[in-house]
Amino acid sequence: MNNLDDRLDDALAQIDAGRSPGAVLADHPEDAHELGELLNLAAAIRTVEHPEPHAASGRSWGLRPAAATGRPAPIRPGLSARRWL
């Protein structure tokens, strides 16, 4: 593995498989400090509760995805697709 992203992915996979973070870091002494910080960050992120969208969140505003209607989304007069770029 040649970059930190690859080593991080590998380390996370090993931890998910049940290996201890200390044992994983021992395999990467050259960047154990930086990799250790990233593993701590990943562990902290995994403990955060992820909010679930409310079932009617878009309905109260009258919002519907254009794909659900089977028609393309209308373009308001005076707006071209190029103006937002």
PDB file of N, CA and C in Angstrom:
ATOM      1  N   MET A   1       0.842  -1.178   0.000  1.00  0.00           N
ATOM      2  CA  MET A   1       0.000   0.000   0.000  1.00  0.00           C
ATOM      3  C   MET A   1       0.881   1.233   0.000  1.00  0.00           C
ATOM      4  N   ASN A   2       0.538   2.155  -0.842  1.00  0.00           N
ATOM      5  CA  ASN A   2       1.459   3.255  -1.036  1.00  0.00           C
ATOM      6  C   ASN A   2       0.994   4.583  -0.477  1.00  0.00           C
ATOM      7  N   ASN A   3      -0.250   4.719  -0.037  1.00  0.00           N
ATOM      8  CA  ASN A   3      -0.622   6.018   0.517  1.00  0.00           C
ATOM      9  C   ASN A   3      -1.441   5.854   1.788  1.00  0.00           C
ATOM     10  N   LEU A   4      -1.575   6.934   2.519  1.00  0.00           N
ATOM     11  CA  LEU A   4      -2.242   6.904   3.813  1.00  0.00           C
ATOM     12  C   LEU A   4      -3.710   6.518   3.685  1.00  0.00           C
ATOM     13  N   ASP A   5      -4.378   6.956   2.625  1.00  0.00           N
ATOM     14  CA  ASP A   5      -5.788   6.594   2.428  1.00  0.00           C
ATOM     15  C   ASP A   5      -5.955   5.082   2.347  1.00  0.00           C
ATOM     16  N   ASP A   6      -5.075   4.431   1.597  1.00  0.00           N
ATOM     17  CA  ASP A   6      -5.148   2.977   1.474  1.00  0.00           C
ATOM     18  C   ASP A   6      -4.879   2.299   2.811  1.00  0.00           C
ATOM     19  N   ARG A   7      -3.885   2.807   3.537  1.00  0.00           N
ATOM     20  CA  ARG A   7      -3.567   2.216   4.839  1.00  0.00           C
ATOM     21  C   ARG A   7      -4.710   2.416   5.827  1.00  0.00           C
ATOM     22  N   LEU A   8      -5.361   3.581   5.765  1.00  0.00           N
ATOM     23  CA  LEU A   8      -6.503   3.836   6.634  1.00  0.00           C
ATOM     24  C   LEU A   8      -7.650   2.888   6.305  1.00  0.00           C
ATOM     25  N   ASP A   9      -7.961   2.728   5.031  1.00  0.00           N
ATOM     26  CA  ASP A   9      -9.014   1.789   4.629  1.00  0.00           C
ATOM     27  C   ASP A   9      -8.717   0.382   5.126  1.00  0.00           C
ATOM     28  N   ASP A  10      -7.463  -0.025   4.969  1.00  0.00           N
ATOM     29  CA  ASP A  10      -7.061  -1.354   5.416  1.00  0.00           C
ATOM     30  C   ASP A  10      -7.177  -1.473   6.938  1.00  0.00           C
ATOM     31  N   ALA A  11      -6.726  -0.451   7.647  1.00  0.00           N
ATOM     32  CA  ALA A  11      -6.785  -0.478   9.110  1.00  0.00           C
ATOM     33  C   ALA A  11      -8.228  -0.549   9.602  1.00  0.00           C
ATOM     34  N   LEU A  12      -9.111   0.244   8.992  1.00  0.00           N
ATOM     35  CA  LEU A  12     -10.521   0.215   9.393  1.00  0.00           C
ATOM     36  C   LEU A  12     -11.150  -1.149   9.114  1.00  0.00           C
ATOM     37  N   ALA A  13     -10.794  -1.746   7.999  1.00  0.00           N
ATOM     38  CA  ALA A  13     -11.319  -3.072   7.673  1.00  0.00           C
ATOM     39  C   ALA A  13     -10.841  -4.104   8.697  1.00  0.00           C
ATOM     40  N   GLN A  14      -9.570  -4.003   9.098  1.00  0.00           N
ATOM     41  CA  GLN A  14      -9.041  -4.942  10.088  1.00  0.00           C
ATOM     42  C   GLN A  14      -9.723  -4.757  11.447  1.00  0.00           C
ATOM     43  N   ILE A  15      -9.958  -3.519  11.827  1.00  0.00           N
ATOM     44  CA  ILE A  15     -10.644  -3.254  13.101  1.00  0.00           C
ATOM     45  C   ILE A  15     -12.077  -3.756  13.039  1.00  0.00           C
ATOM     46  N   ASP A  16     -12.751  -3.542  11.912  1.00  0.00           N
ATOM     47  CA  ASP A  16     -14.114  -4.056  11.744  1.00  0.00           C
ATOM     48  C   ASP A  16     -14.148  -5.570  11.824  1.00  0.00           C
ATOM     49  N   ALA A  17     -13.053  -6.205  11.412  1.00  0.00           N
ATOM     50  CA  ALA A  17     -12.978  -7.665  11.453  1.00  0.00           C
ATOM     51  C   ALA A  17     -12.633  -8.181  12.851  1.00  0.00           C
ATOM     52  N   GLY A  18     -12.359  -7.269  13.795  1.00  0.00           N
ATOM     53  CA  GLY A  18     -12.136  -7.677  15.164  1.00  0.00           C
ATOM     54  C   GLY A  18     -10.722  -7.501  15.690  1.00  0.00           C
ATOM     55  N   ARG A  19      -9.838  -7.019  14.873  1.00  0.00           N
ATOM     56  CA  ARG A  19      -8.461  -6.807  15.315  1.00  0.00           C
ATOM     57  C   ARG A  19      -8.383  -5.528  16.149  1.00  0.00           C
ATOM     58  N   SER A  20      -7.523  -5.503  17.149  1.00  0.00           N
ATOM     59  CA  SER A  20      -7.420  -4.329  18.016  1.00  0.00           C
ATOM     60  C   SER A  20      -6.705  -3.191  17.282  1.00  0.00           C
ATOM     61  N   PRO A  21      -7.081  -1.941  17.599  1.00  0.00           N
ATOM     62  CA  PRO A  21      -6.401  -0.805  16.973  1.00  0.00           C
ATOM     63  C   PRO A  21      -4.894  -0.797  17.249  1.00  0.00           C
ATOM     64  N   GLY A  22      -4.483  -1.204  18.444  1.00  0.00           N
ATOM     65  CA  GLY A  22      -3.062  -1.245  18.765  1.00  0.00           C
ATOM     66  C   GLY A  22      -2.299  -2.208  17.881  1.00  0.00           C
ATOM     67  N   ALA A  23      -2.888  -3.366  17.613  1.00  0.00           N
ATOM     68  CA  ALA A  23      -2.230  -4.344  16.739  1.00  0.00           C
ATOM     69  C   ALA A  23      -2.160  -3.833  15.309  1.00  0.00           C
ATOM     70  N   VAL A  24      -3.201  -3.152  14.876  1.00  0.00           N
ATOM     71  CA  VAL A  24      -3.208  -2.590  13.521  1.00  0.00           C
ATOM     72  C   VAL A  24      -2.130  -1.517  13.389  1.00  0.00           C
ATOM     73  N   LEU A  25      -2.016  -0.652  14.388  1.00  0.00           N
ATOM     74  CA  LEU A  25      -1.011   0.417  14.344  1.00  0.00           C
ATOM     75  C   LEU A  25       0.403  -0.139  14.403  1.00  0.00           C
ATOM     76  N   ALA A  26       0.587  -1.269  15.070  1.00  0.00           N
ATOM     77  CA  ALA A  26       1.915  -1.882  15.145  1.00  0.00           C
ATOM     78  C   ALA A  26       2.402  -2.311  13.760  1.00  0.00           C
ATOM     79  N   ASP A  27       1.480  -2.574  12.849  1.00  0.00           N
ATOM     80  CA  ASP A  27       1.843  -2.943  11.479  1.00  0.00           C
ATOM     81  C   ASP A  27       2.300  -1.740  10.654  1.00  0.00           C
ATOM     82  N   HIS A  28       2.056  -0.528  11.148  1.00  0.00           N
ATOM     83  CA  HIS A  28       2.370   0.694  10.393  1.00  0.00           C
ATOM     84  C   HIS A  28       3.164   1.666  11.261  1.00  0.00           C
ATOM     85  N   PRO A  29       4.359   1.291  11.696  1.00  0.00           N
ATOM     86  CA  PRO A  29       5.112   2.180  12.594  1.00  0.00           C
ATOM     87  C   PRO A  29       5.527   3.500  11.940  1.00  0.00           C
ATOM     88  N   GLU A  30       5.660   3.524  10.625  1.00  0.00           N
ATOM     89  CA  GLU A  30       6.127   4.735   9.952  1.00  0.00           C
ATOM     90  C   GLU A  30       5.123   5.886  10.022  1.00  0.00           C
ATOM     91  N   ASP A  31       3.848   5.542  10.141  1.00  0.00           N
ATOM     92  CA  ASP A  31       2.851   6.619  10.250  1.00  0.00           C
ATOM     93  C   ASP A  31       1.811   6.285  11.307  1.00  0.00           C
ATOM     94  N   ALA A  32       2.275   5.638  12.389  1.00  0.00           N
ATOM     95  CA  ALA A  32       1.355   5.221  13.460  1.00  0.00           C
ATOM     96  C   ALA A  32       0.675   6.424  14.111  1.00  0.00           C
ATOM     97  N   HIS A  33       1.389   7.526  14.264  1.00  0.00           N
ATOM     98  CA  HIS A  33       0.791   8.690  14.918  1.00  0.00           C
ATOM     99  C   HIS A  33      -0.371   9.244  14.095  1.00  0.00           C
ATOM    100  N   GLU A  34      -0.107   9.524  12.823  1.00  0.00           N
ATOM    101  CA  GLU A  34      -1.159  10.092  11.964  1.00  0.00           C
ATOM    102  C   GLU A  34      -2.301   9.100  11.761  1.00  0.00           C
ATOM    103  N   LEU A  35      -1.964   7.856  11.530  1.00  0.00           N
ATOM    104  CA  LEU A  35      -2.989   6.830  11.336  1.00  0.00           C
ATOM    105  C   LEU A  35      -3.804   6.641  12.614  1.00  0.00           C
ATOM    106  N   GLY A  36      -3.131   6.709  13.759  1.00  0.00           N
ATOM    107  CA  GLY A  36      -3.831   6.588  15.039  1.00  0.00           C
ATOM    108  C   GLY A  36      -4.843   7.698  15.239  1.00  0.00           C
ATOM    109  N   GLU A  37      -4.466   8.931  14.862  1.00  0.00           N
ATOM    110  CA  GLU A  37      -5.405  10.051  14.972  1.00  0.00           C
ATOM    111  C   GLU A  37      -6.617   9.847  14.064  1.00  0.00           C
ATOM    112  N   LEU A  38      -6.372   9.351  12.872  1.00  0.00           N
ATOM    113  CA  LEU A  38      -7.483   9.104  11.943  1.00  0.00           C
ATOM    114  C   LEU A  38      -8.385   7.979  12.437  1.00  0.00           C
ATOM    115  N   LEU A  39      -7.802   6.952  13.036  1.00  0.00           N
ATOM    116  CA  LEU A  39      -8.602   5.858  13.597  1.00  0.00           C
ATOM    117  C   LEU A  39      -9.441   6.357  14.771  1.00  0.00           C
ATOM    118  N   ASN A  40      -8.860   7.238  15.602  1.00  0.00           N
ATOM    119  CA  ASN A  40      -9.634   7.820  16.708  1.00  0.00           C
ATOM    120  C   ASN A  40     -10.792   8.658  16.182  1.00  0.00           C
ATOM    121  N   LEU A  41     -10.540   9.409  15.123  1.00  0.00           N
ATOM    122  CA  LEU A  41     -11.596  10.217  14.514  1.00  0.00           C
ATOM    123  C   LEU A  41     -12.699   9.321  13.949  1.00  0.00           C
ATOM    124  N   ALA A  42     -12.306   8.264  13.263  1.00  0.00           N
ATOM    125  CA  ALA A  42     -13.298   7.334  12.695  1.00  0.00           C
ATOM    126  C   ALA A  42     -14.130   6.698  13.799  1.00  0.00           C
ATOM    127  N   ALA A  43     -13.485   6.330  14.915  1.00  0.00           N
ATOM    128  CA  ALA A  43     -14.215   5.730  16.031  1.00  0.00           C
ATOM    129  C   ALA A  43     -15.208   6.723  16.626  1.00  0.00           C
ATOM    130  N   ALA A  44     -14.800   7.990  16.744  1.00  0.00           N
ATOM    131  CA  ALA A  44     -15.692   9.017  17.283  1.00  0.00           C
ATOM    132  C   ALA A  44     -16.875   9.260  16.356  1.00  0.00           C
ATOM    133  N   ILE A  45     -16.622   9.284  15.060  1.00  0.00           N
ATOM    134  CA  ILE A  45     -17.701   9.505  14.096  1.00  0.00           C
ATOM    135  C   ILE A  45     -18.710   8.367  14.146  1.00  0.00           C
ATOM    136  N   ARG A  46     -18.216   7.165  14.344  1.00  0.00           N
ATOM    137  CA  ARG A  46     -19.116   6.006  14.373  1.00  0.00           C
ATOM    138  C   ARG A  46     -20.030   6.011  15.591  1.00  0.00           C
ATOM    139  N   THR A  47     -19.683   6.759  16.636  1.00  0.00           N
ATOM    140  CA  THR A  47     -20.530   6.808  17.827  1.00  0.00           C
ATOM    141  C   THR A  47     -21.606   7.879  17.741  1.00  0.00           C
ATOM    142  N   VAL A  48     -21.510   8.771  16.771  1.00  0.00           N
ATOM    143  CA  VAL A  48     -22.482   9.853  16.625  1.00  0.00           C
ATOM    144  C   VAL A  48     -23.774   9.283  16.058  1.00  0.00           C
ATOM    145  N   GLU A  49     -24.879   9.680  16.677  1.00  0.00           N
ATOM    146  CA  GLU A  49     -26.183   9.245  16.186  1.00  0.00           C
ATOM    147  C   GLU A  49     -26.497   9.968  14.880  1.00  0.00           C
ATOM    148  N   HIS A  50     -26.896   9.225  13.882  1.00  0.00           N
ATOM    149  CA  HIS A  50     -27.226   9.804  12.586  1.00  0.00           C
ATOM    150  C   HIS A  50     -28.709  10.142  12.548  1.00  0.00           C
ATOM    151  N   PRO A  51     -29.055  11.382  12.226  1.00  0.00           N
ATOM    152  CA  PRO A  51     -30.474  11.751  12.185  1.00  0.00           C
ATOM    153  C   PRO A  51     -31.185  11.087  11.014  1.00  0.00           C
ATOM    154  N   GLU A  52     -32.420  10.728  11.252  1.00  0.00           N
ATOM    155  CA  GLU A  52     -33.259  10.156  10.207  1.00  0.00           C
ATOM    156  C   GLU A  52     -34.174  11.248   9.674  1.00  0.00           C
ATOM    157  N   PRO A  53     -34.349  11.321   8.364  1.00  0.00           N
ATOM    158  CA  PRO A  53     -35.259  12.336   7.821  1.00  0.00           C
ATOM    159  C   PRO A  53     -36.698  12.027   8.222  1.00  0.00           C
ATOM    160  N   HIS A  54     -37.431  13.054   8.499  1.00  0.00           N
ATOM    161  CA  HIS A  54     -38.841  12.906   8.843  1.00  0.00           C
ATOM    162  C   HIS A  54     -39.608  12.515   7.586  1.00  0.00           C
ATOM    163  N   ALA A  55     -40.549  11.616   7.714  1.00  0.00           N
ATOM    164  CA  ALA A  55     -41.266  11.088   6.553  1.00  0.00           C
ATOM    165  C   ALA A  55     -41.963  12.182   5.756  1.00  0.00           C
ATOM    166  N   ALA A  56     -42.463  13.196   6.420  1.00  0.00           N
ATOM    167  CA  ALA A  56     -43.208  14.246   5.711  1.00  0.00           C
ATOM    168  C   ALA A  56     -42.397  15.524   5.546  1.00  0.00           C
ATOM    169  N   SER A  57     -41.099  15.448   5.698  1.00  0.00           N
ATOM    170  CA  SER A  57     -40.296  16.672   5.690  1.00  0.00           C
ATOM    171  C   SER A  57     -40.440  17.475   4.403  1.00  0.00           C
ATOM    172  N   GLY A  58     -40.489  16.852   3.263  1.00  0.00           N
ATOM    173  CA  GLY A  58     -40.631  17.580   2.011  1.00  0.00           C
ATOM    174  C   GLY A  58     -42.058  17.952   1.716  1.00  0.00           C
ATOM    175  N   ARG A  59     -43.000  17.200   2.235  1.00  0.00           N
ATOM    176  CA  ARG A  59     -44.409  17.443   1.917  1.00  0.00           C
ATOM    177  C   ARG A  59     -44.922  18.744   2.507  1.00  0.00           C
ATOM    178  N   SER A  60     -44.437  19.106   3.686  1.00  0.00           N
ATOM    179  CA  SER A  60     -44.955  20.323   4.301  1.00  0.00           C
ATOM    180  C   SER A  60     -44.619  21.557   3.470  1.00  0.00           C
ATOM    181  N   TRP A  61     -43.611  21.476   2.663  1.00  0.00           N
ATOM    182  CA  TRP A  61     -43.234  22.587   1.797  1.00  0.00           C
ATOM    183  C   TRP A  61     -43.768  22.408   0.379  1.00  0.00           C
ATOM    184  N   GLY A  62     -44.439  21.304   0.142  1.00  0.00           N
ATOM    185  CA  GLY A  62     -44.953  21.044  -1.190  1.00  0.00           C
ATOM    186  C   GLY A  62     -43.864  20.603  -2.145  1.00  0.00           C
ATOM    187  N   LEU A  63     -42.801  20.045  -1.626  1.00  0.00           N
ATOM    188  CA  LEU A  63     -41.681  19.631  -2.465  1.00  0.00           C
ATOM    189  C   LEU A  63     -41.835  18.170  -2.861  1.00  0.00           C
ATOM    190  N   ARG A  64     -41.608  17.903  -4.120  1.00  0.00           N
ATOM    191  CA  ARG A  64     -41.602  16.533  -4.613  1.00  0.00           C
ATOM    192  C   ARG A  64     -40.488  16.402  -5.624  1.00  0.00           C
ATOM    193  N   PRO A  65     -39.778  15.293  -5.589  1.00  0.00           N
ATOM    194  CA  PRO A  65     -38.763  15.097  -6.626  1.00  0.00           C
ATOM    195  C   PRO A  65     -39.417  15.021  -7.997  1.00  0.00           C
ATOM    196  N   ALA A  66     -38.791  15.610  -8.986  1.00  0.00           N
ATOM    197  CA  ALA A  66     -39.344  15.599 -10.338  1.00  0.00           C
ATOM    198  C   ALA A  66     -39.502  14.175 -10.841  1.00  0.00           C
ATOM    199  N   ALA A  67     -38.620  13.284 -10.443  1.00  0.00           N
ATOM    200  CA  ALA A  67     -38.702  11.903 -10.912  1.00  0.00           C
ATOM    201  C   ALA A  67     -39.980  11.226 -10.431  1.00  0.00           C
ATOM    202  N   ALA A  68     -40.492  11.632  -9.269  1.00  0.00           N
ATOM    203  CA  ALA A  68     -41.704  11.011  -8.734  1.00  0.00           C
ATOM    204  C   ALA A  68     -42.931  11.403  -9.546  1.00  0.00           C
ATOM    205  N   THR A  69     -42.898  12.544 -10.195  1.00  0.00           N
ATOM    206  CA  THR A  69     -44.056  12.991 -10.964  1.00  0.00           C
ATOM    207  C   THR A  69     -44.047  12.465 -12.391  1.00  0.00           C
ATOM    208  N   GLY A  70     -42.890  11.985 -12.838  1.00  0.00           N
ATOM    209  CA  GLY A  70     -42.782  11.505 -14.206  1.00  0.00           C
ATOM    210  C   GLY A  70     -42.595  12.626 -15.217  1.00  0.00           C
ATOM    211  N   ARG A  71     -42.459  13.846 -14.731  1.00  0.00           N
ATOM    212  CA  ARG A  71     -42.268  14.998 -15.605  1.00  0.00           C
ATOM    213  C   ARG A  71     -40.990  15.710 -15.214  1.00  0.00           C
ATOM    214  N   PRO A  72     -40.359  16.401 -16.130  1.00  0.00           N
ATOM    215  CA  PRO A  72     -39.173  17.182 -15.751  1.00  0.00           C
ATOM    216  C   PRO A  72     -39.574  18.340 -14.854  1.00  0.00           C
ATOM    217  N   ALA A  73     -38.665  18.761 -14.028  1.00  0.00           N
ATOM    218  CA  ALA A  73     -38.933  19.891 -13.142  1.00  0.00           C
ATOM    219  C   ALA A  73     -39.151  21.145 -13.978  1.00  0.00           C
ATOM    220  N   PRO A  74     -40.144  21.950 -13.623  1.00  0.00           N
ATOM    221  CA  PRO A  74     -40.406  23.159 -14.397  1.00  0.00           C
ATOM    222  C   PRO A  74     -39.298  24.186 -14.183  1.00  0.00           C
ATOM    223  N   ILE A  75     -39.033  24.944 -15.198  1.00  0.00           N
ATOM    224  CA  ILE A  75     -38.072  26.042 -15.105  1.00  0.00           C
ATOM    225  C   ILE A  75     -38.862  27.320 -14.979  1.00  0.00           C
ATOM    226  N   ARG A  76     -38.542  28.088 -13.972  1.00  0.00           N
ATOM    227  CA  ARG A  76     -39.267  29.343 -13.759  1.00  0.00           C
ATOM    228  C   ARG A  76     -38.941  30.314 -14.883  1.00  0.00           C
ATOM    229  N   PRO A  77     -39.912  31.121 -15.281  1.00  0.00           N
ATOM    230  CA  PRO A  77     -39.649  32.116 -16.318  1.00  0.00           C
ATOM    231  C   PRO A  77     -38.510  33.043 -15.891  1.00  0.00           C
ATOM    232  N   GLY A  78     -37.657  33.349 -16.827  1.00  0.00           N
ATOM    233  CA  GLY A  78     -36.560  34.248 -16.554  1.00  0.00           C
ATOM    234  C   GLY A  78     -35.306  33.555 -16.054  1.00  0.00           C
ATOM    235  N   LEU A  79     -35.406  32.286 -15.735  1.00  0.00           N
ATOM    236  CA  LEU A  79     -34.231  31.544 -15.288  1.00  0.00           C
ATOM    237  C   LEU A  79     -33.803  30.572 -16.366  1.00  0.00           C
ATOM    238  N   SER A  80     -32.571  30.627 -16.702  1.00  0.00           N
ATOM    239  CA  SER A  80     -32.070  29.633 -17.625  1.00  0.00           C
ATOM    240  C   SER A  80     -31.181  28.676 -16.853  1.00  0.00           C
ATOM    241  N   ALA A  81     -30.963  27.524 -17.376  1.00  0.00           N
ATOM    242  CA  ALA A  81     -30.121  26.543 -16.720  1.00  0.00           C
ATOM    243  C   ALA A  81     -28.698  27.065 -16.587  1.00  0.00           C
ATOM    244  N   ARG A  82     -28.292  27.993 -17.426  1.00  0.00           N
ATOM    245  CA  ARG A  82     -26.923  28.479 -17.406  1.00  0.00           C
ATOM    246  C   ARG A  82     -26.687  29.529 -16.324  1.00  0.00           C
ATOM    247  N   ARG A  83     -27.734  30.156 -15.808  1.00  0.00           N
ATOM    248  CA  ARG A  83     -27.554  31.238 -14.837  1.00  0.00           C
ATOM    249  C   ARG A  83     -27.005  30.756 -13.511  1.00  0.00           C
ATOM    250  N   TRP A  84     -27.241  29.538 -13.158  1.00  0.00           N
ATOM    251  CA  TRP A  84     -26.777  29.065 -11.855  1.00  0.00           C
ATOM    252  C   TRP A  84     -25.313  28.688 -11.883  1.00  0.00           C
ATOM    253  N   LEU A  85     -24.699  28.579 -13.039  1.00  0.00           N
ATOM    254  CA  LEU A  85     -23.286  28.198 -13.112  1.00  0.00           C
ATOM    255  C   LEU A  85     -22.406  29.327 -12.752  1.00  0.00           C
TER     256      LEU A  85
END
